[in-house]
Amino acid sequence: MKINHTASSRPADAPADAAAARPQAAPASAAAPSAGLSVSPLAAQVRDISARLTQPTDDDIDTAKVEEIRQAIAEGRIRIDPGKIADGLLATLRELGQAEPR
């Protein structure tokens, strides 16, 4: 079992302090290029991705699978092995220790 330490891109997962420190999006009129200015395709793509990331979404959650697991836990069909969980955590800690400069 691995623990993923990457930061979530979902705004709902961001801490309140991070939301307060993040600059607010400019109004649509300020984001549109003025006459004589052009926006590079990369800048337009970044703006589009940024707009999509600020919209709440549950596309990355398989709600059917979550419900199936909940039901299995409620019925006692899932056996939790604390030793396996501990082994996975220790393996992750070892990997993190090797990744850091000494």
C-alpha atoms as a PDB file:
ATOM      1  CA  MET A   1       0.000   0.000   0.000  1.00  0.00           C
ATOM      2  CA  LYS A   2       1.384   3.380  -0.992  1.00  0.00           C
ATOM      3  CA  ILE A   3       0.455   6.777   0.356  1.00  0.00           C
ATOM      4  CA  ASN A   4       0.307   9.482  -2.272  1.00  0.00           C
ATOM      5  CA  HIS A   5       1.733  12.735  -0.922  1.00  0.00           C
ATOM      6  CA  THR A   6       0.933  14.876  -3.956  1.00  0.00           C
ATOM      7  CA  ALA A   7      -1.156  17.944  -3.379  1.00  0.00           C
ATOM      8  CA  SER A   8      -4.737  17.799  -4.496  1.00  0.00           C
ATOM      9  CA  SER A   9      -5.834  20.108  -7.264  1.00  0.00           C
ATOM     10  CA  ARG A  10      -9.373  20.213  -5.940  1.00  0.00           C
ATOM     11  CA  PRO A  11     -10.248  23.563  -4.305  1.00  0.00           C
ATOM     12  CA  ALA A  12     -12.394  21.833  -1.654  1.00  0.00           C
ATOM     13  CA  ASP A  13      -9.301  19.977  -0.409  1.00  0.00           C
ATOM     14  CA  ALA A  14      -7.191  23.130  -0.010  1.00  0.00           C
ATOM     15  CA  PRO A  15      -6.746  24.459   3.533  1.00  0.00           C
ATOM     16  CA  ALA A  16      -8.534  27.683   4.391  1.00  0.00           C
ATOM     17  CA  ASP A  17      -5.210  29.532   4.770  1.00  0.00           C
ATOM     18  CA  ALA A  18      -4.176  28.568   1.250  1.00  0.00           C
ATOM     19  CA  ALA A  19      -7.473  29.830  -0.152  1.00  0.00           C
ATOM     20  CA  ALA A  20      -7.010  33.168   1.587  1.00  0.00           C
ATOM     21  CA  ALA A  21      -3.429  33.500   0.342  1.00  0.00           C
ATOM     22  CA  ARG A  22      -4.311  32.605  -3.268  1.00  0.00           C
ATOM     23  CA  PRO A  23      -4.937  35.643  -5.459  1.00  0.00           C
ATOM     24  CA  GLN A  24      -8.500  36.001  -6.634  1.00  0.00           C
ATOM     25  CA  ALA A  25      -9.270  35.412 -10.306  1.00  0.00           C
ATOM     26  CA  ALA A  26      -9.496  38.572 -12.358  1.00  0.00           C
ATOM     27  CA  PRO A  27     -12.893  39.524 -13.773  1.00  0.00           C
ATOM     28  CA  ALA A  28     -13.613  38.189 -17.257  1.00  0.00           C
ATOM     29  CA  SER A  29     -13.133  41.642 -18.785  1.00  0.00           C
ATOM     30  CA  ALA A  30      -9.626  41.897 -17.312  1.00  0.00           C
ATOM     31  CA  ALA A  31      -8.705  38.412 -18.560  1.00  0.00           C
ATOM     32  CA  ALA A  32      -9.700  39.134 -22.155  1.00  0.00           C
ATOM     33  CA  PRO A  33      -6.864  40.471 -24.302  1.00  0.00           C
ATOM     34  CA  SER A  34      -7.062  44.135 -25.258  1.00  0.00           C
ATOM     35  CA  ALA A  35      -7.015  45.325 -28.842  1.00  0.00           C
ATOM     36  CA  GLY A  36      -3.539  44.862 -30.262  1.00  0.00           C
ATOM     37  CA  LEU A  37      -2.538  42.262 -27.640  1.00  0.00           C
ATOM     38  CA  SER A  38      -2.554  38.570 -28.301  1.00  0.00           C
ATOM     39  CA  VAL A  39      -2.449  35.689 -25.875  1.00  0.00           C
ATOM     40  CA  SER A  40      -0.195  32.770 -26.661  1.00  0.00           C
ATOM     41  CA  PRO A  41      -1.867  29.383 -27.066  1.00  0.00           C
ATOM     42  CA  LEU A  42      -0.069  28.192 -23.928  1.00  0.00           C
ATOM     43  CA  ALA A  43      -1.380  31.144 -21.893  1.00  0.00           C
ATOM     44  CA  ALA A  44      -4.907  30.493 -23.160  1.00  0.00           C
ATOM     45  CA  GLN A  45      -4.569  26.820 -22.219  1.00  0.00           C
ATOM     46  CA  VAL A  46      -3.307  27.705 -18.732  1.00  0.00           C
ATOM     47  CA  ARG A  47      -6.234  30.100 -18.254  1.00  0.00           C
ATOM     48  CA  ASP A  48      -8.689  27.380 -19.372  1.00  0.00           C
ATOM     49  CA  ILE A  49      -7.171  24.771 -17.041  1.00  0.00           C
ATOM     50  CA  SER A  50      -7.198  27.246 -14.163  1.00  0.00           C
ATOM     51  CA  ALA A  51     -10.872  27.995 -14.738  1.00  0.00           C
ATOM     52  CA  ARG A  52     -11.715  24.275 -14.807  1.00  0.00           C
ATOM     53  CA  LEU A  53      -9.762  23.593 -11.601  1.00  0.00           C
ATOM     54  CA  THR A  54     -11.722  26.216  -9.688  1.00  0.00           C
ATOM     55  CA  GLN A  55     -14.988  24.447 -10.515  1.00  0.00           C
ATOM     56  CA  PRO A  56     -15.982  21.766  -7.987  1.00  0.00           C
ATOM     57  CA  THR A  57     -16.144  18.285  -9.492  1.00  0.00           C
ATOM     58  CA  ASP A  58     -16.499  14.710  -8.321  1.00  0.00           C
ATOM     59  CA  ASP A  59     -15.296  13.125 -11.576  1.00  0.00           C
ATOM     60  CA  ASP A  60     -12.345  11.534  -9.821  1.00  0.00           C
ATOM     61  CA  ILE A  61     -14.513   9.699  -7.274  1.00  0.00           C
ATOM     62  CA  ASP A  62     -16.162   6.433  -8.280  1.00  0.00           C
ATOM     63  CA  THR A  63     -19.283   6.787  -6.130  1.00  0.00           C
ATOM     64  CA  ALA A  64     -20.512   3.296  -7.059  1.00  0.00           C
ATOM     65  CA  LYS A  65     -17.242   1.773  -5.825  1.00  0.00           C
ATOM     66  CA  VAL A  66     -17.369   3.838  -2.625  1.00  0.00           C
ATOM     67  CA  GLU A  67     -20.911   2.615  -1.941  1.00  0.00           C
ATOM     68  CA  GLU A  68     -19.867  -0.990  -2.660  1.00  0.00           C
ATOM     69  CA  ILE A  69     -17.016  -0.716  -0.141  1.00  0.00           C
ATOM     70  CA  ARG A  70     -19.289   0.894   2.466  1.00  0.00           C
ATOM     71  CA  GLN A  71     -21.779  -1.931   2.071  1.00  0.00           C
ATOM     72  CA  ALA A  72     -19.027  -4.563   2.351  1.00  0.00           C
ATOM     73  CA  ILE A  73     -17.722  -2.952   5.553  1.00  0.00           C
ATOM     74  CA  ALA A  74     -21.241  -2.767   7.013  1.00  0.00           C
ATOM     75  CA  GLU A  75     -21.810  -6.460   6.209  1.00  0.00           C
ATOM     76  CA  GLY A  76     -18.405  -7.494   7.586  1.00  0.00           C
ATOM     77  CA  ARG A  77     -17.166  -8.843   4.228  1.00  0.00           C
ATOM     78  CA  ILE A  78     -13.974  -6.765   4.345  1.00  0.00           C
ATOM     79  CA  ARG A  79     -11.290  -7.964   6.727  1.00  0.00           C
ATOM     80  CA  ILE A  80      -8.821  -5.271   7.745  1.00  0.00           C
ATOM     81  CA  ASP A  81      -5.286  -6.540   8.345  1.00  0.00           C
ATOM     82  CA  PRO A  82      -3.516  -4.030  10.621  1.00  0.00           C
ATOM     83  CA  GLY A  83      -0.175  -5.762   9.950  1.00  0.00           C
ATOM     84  CA  LYS A  84      -0.493  -5.161   6.222  1.00  0.00           C
ATOM     85  CA  ILE A  85      -1.356  -1.504   6.810  1.00  0.00           C
ATOM     86  CA  ALA A  86       1.635  -1.103   9.149  1.00  0.00           C
ATOM     87  CA  ASP A  87       3.948  -2.789   6.620  1.00  0.00           C
ATOM     88  CA  GLY A  88       2.762  -0.397   3.904  1.00  0.00           C
ATOM     89  CA  LEU A  89       3.296   2.638   6.122  1.00  0.00           C
ATOM     90  CA  LEU A  90       6.782   1.481   7.065  1.00  0.00           C
ATOM     91  CA  ALA A  91       7.660   0.870   3.400  1.00  0.00           C
ATOM     92  CA  THR A  92       6.491   4.380   2.530  1.00  0.00           C
ATOM     93  CA  LEU A  93       8.561   5.869   5.362  1.00  0.00           C
ATOM     94  CA  ARG A  94      11.624   3.962   4.155  1.00  0.00           C
ATOM     95  CA  GLU A  95      11.104   5.280   0.610  1.00  0.00           C
ATOM     96  CA  LEU A  96      10.723   8.826   1.884  1.00  0.00           C
ATOM     97  CA  GLY A  97      13.872   8.462   3.978  1.00  0.00           C
ATOM     98  CA  GLN A  98      15.833   7.318   0.932  1.00  0.00           C
ATOM     99  CA  ALA A  99      14.512  10.159  -1.214  1.00  0.00           C
ATOM    100  CA  GLU A 100      15.697  12.869   1.176  1.00  0.00           C
ATOM    101  CA  PRO A 101      19.311  14.081   0.964  1.00  0.00           C
ATOM    102  CA  ARG A 102      21.404  12.993   3.922  1.00  0.00           C
END
